[in-house]
Amino acid sequence: MSQQLTPSADMHPADILAALKKRGFSLTSLAEKKGKSGSYLRVALACKPHPAAFVILARALGMRPHKLRPSMFDKQDRPIRQTRSAPVSAATVRRRA
């Protein structure tokens, strides 16, 4: 049975890894083939998503990046900018108190 993805659903990292293995890739070999460190793709899947890493993964799977990670890419495969809250310094916290 094939997995249906809703437009906002990202492909699960375990599914990405399984699909890569089916195609004969490992994360390390694929990263090194693209001139990155061996842990680059593993770290991107596990904890620090990076758009360039998901472009590499999508191409290796024969997919477009926005199909792999719709939360990260628009339909033209451009990275969606994530907004971050401004860091709060200790001085700011003291002033508020």
Protein backbone atom coordinates (compact mmCIF):
# COMPACT_ATOMS: atom_id res chain seq x y z
CA MET A 1 0.00 0.00 0.00
CA SER A 2 1.42 3.40 -0.93
CA GLN A 3 1.51 6.25 1.55
CA GLN A 4 -0.68 9.22 0.68
CA LEU A 5 0.80 12.59 1.56
CA THR A 6 -1.42 15.56 2.26
CA PRO A 7 -0.13 18.86 0.83
CA SER A 8 1.24 19.92 4.22
CA ALA A 9 2.70 16.54 5.20
CA ASP A 10 6.46 16.11 5.14
CA MET A 11 7.84 12.72 4.24
CA HIS A 12 8.97 10.95 7.41
CA PRO A 13 12.77 10.63 7.82
CA ALA A 14 12.49 6.83 8.13
CA ASP A 15 10.62 6.71 4.80
CA ILE A 16 13.28 8.88 3.16
CA LEU A 17 16.02 6.61 4.48
CA ALA A 18 14.19 3.47 3.30
CA ALA A 19 13.64 4.94 -0.17
CA LEU A 20 17.32 5.86 -0.42
CA LYS A 21 18.36 2.34 0.58
CA LYS A 22 16.02 0.88 -2.06
CA ARG A 23 17.88 2.97 -4.63
CA GLY A 24 21.25 1.78 -3.34
CA PHE A 25 22.27 4.95 -1.49
CA SER A 26 23.41 5.50 2.06
CA LEU A 27 23.28 8.93 3.65
CA THR A 28 27.06 8.97 4.03
CA SER A 29 27.86 7.92 0.46
CA LEU A 30 25.34 10.36 -1.01
CA ALA A 31 26.68 13.26 1.09
CA GLU A 32 30.28 12.49 0.17
CA LYS A 33 29.34 12.16 -3.50
CA LYS A 34 27.98 15.72 -3.30
CA GLY A 35 31.14 17.02 -1.59
CA LYS A 36 29.64 17.27 1.90
CA SER A 37 30.78 15.68 5.13
CA GLY A 38 29.57 12.14 5.75
CA SER A 39 27.21 13.25 8.53
CA TYR A 40 25.65 16.19 6.63
CA LEU A 41 22.47 14.42 5.49
CA ARG A 42 22.09 12.41 8.69
CA VAL A 43 22.14 15.59 10.77
CA ALA A 44 19.68 17.28 8.38
CA LEU A 45 17.23 14.39 8.73
CA ALA A 46 17.64 14.01 12.48
CA CYS A 47 17.77 17.47 13.98
CA LYS A 48 18.87 20.41 11.82
CA PRO A 49 16.83 20.56 8.62
CA HIS A 50 18.73 22.42 5.93
CA PRO A 51 17.11 23.16 2.55
CA ALA A 52 20.22 22.28 0.53
CA ALA A 53 20.35 18.85 2.16
CA PHE A 54 16.73 18.17 1.23
CA VAL A 55 17.41 19.21 -2.37
CA ILE A 56 20.16 16.54 -2.48
CA LEU A 57 17.81 13.94 -0.95
CA ALA A 58 14.93 14.81 -3.27
CA ARG A 59 17.09 14.57 -6.39
CA ALA A 60 18.49 11.22 -5.28
CA LEU A 61 14.90 9.98 -4.91
CA GLY A 62 13.78 11.43 -8.25
CA MET A 63 11.43 13.85 -6.49
CA ARG A 64 11.01 17.59 -6.34
CA PRO A 65 11.96 19.14 -2.98
CA HIS A 66 8.45 20.48 -2.29
CA LYS A 67 7.05 16.94 -2.59
CA LEU A 68 9.57 15.71 -0.02
CA ARG A 69 9.21 18.63 2.42
CA PRO A 70 6.21 20.88 1.64
CA SER A 71 6.74 22.68 4.95
CA MET A 72 10.22 23.74 3.78
CA PHE A 73 9.74 24.48 0.04
CA ASP A 74 7.12 26.30 -2.02
CA LYS A 75 5.71 24.80 -5.23
CA GLN A 76 8.58 26.32 -7.25
CA ASP A 77 11.06 24.48 -4.96
CA ARG A 78 12.24 27.69 -3.32
CA PRO A 79 12.98 27.45 0.41
CA ILE A 80 10.31 28.97 2.61
CA ARG A 81 11.89 31.36 5.09
CA GLN A 82 11.18 30.33 8.64
CA THR A 83 10.62 33.18 11.07
CA ARG A 84 12.53 33.02 14.32
CA SER A 85 11.81 34.90 17.46
CA ALA A 86 14.47 37.37 18.48
CA PRO A 87 16.86 36.10 21.15
CA VAL A 88 16.28 37.52 24.59
CA SER A 89 19.37 38.69 26.42
CA ALA A 90 19.82 38.61 30.18
CA ALA A 91 19.86 42.43 30.23
CA THR A 92 16.43 42.52 28.55
CA VAL A 93 15.03 40.10 31.10
CA ARG A 94 16.37 42.23 34.00
CA ARG A 95 14.84 45.38 32.52
CA ARG A 96 11.43 43.74 32.20
CA ALA A 97 11.38 42.64 35.86
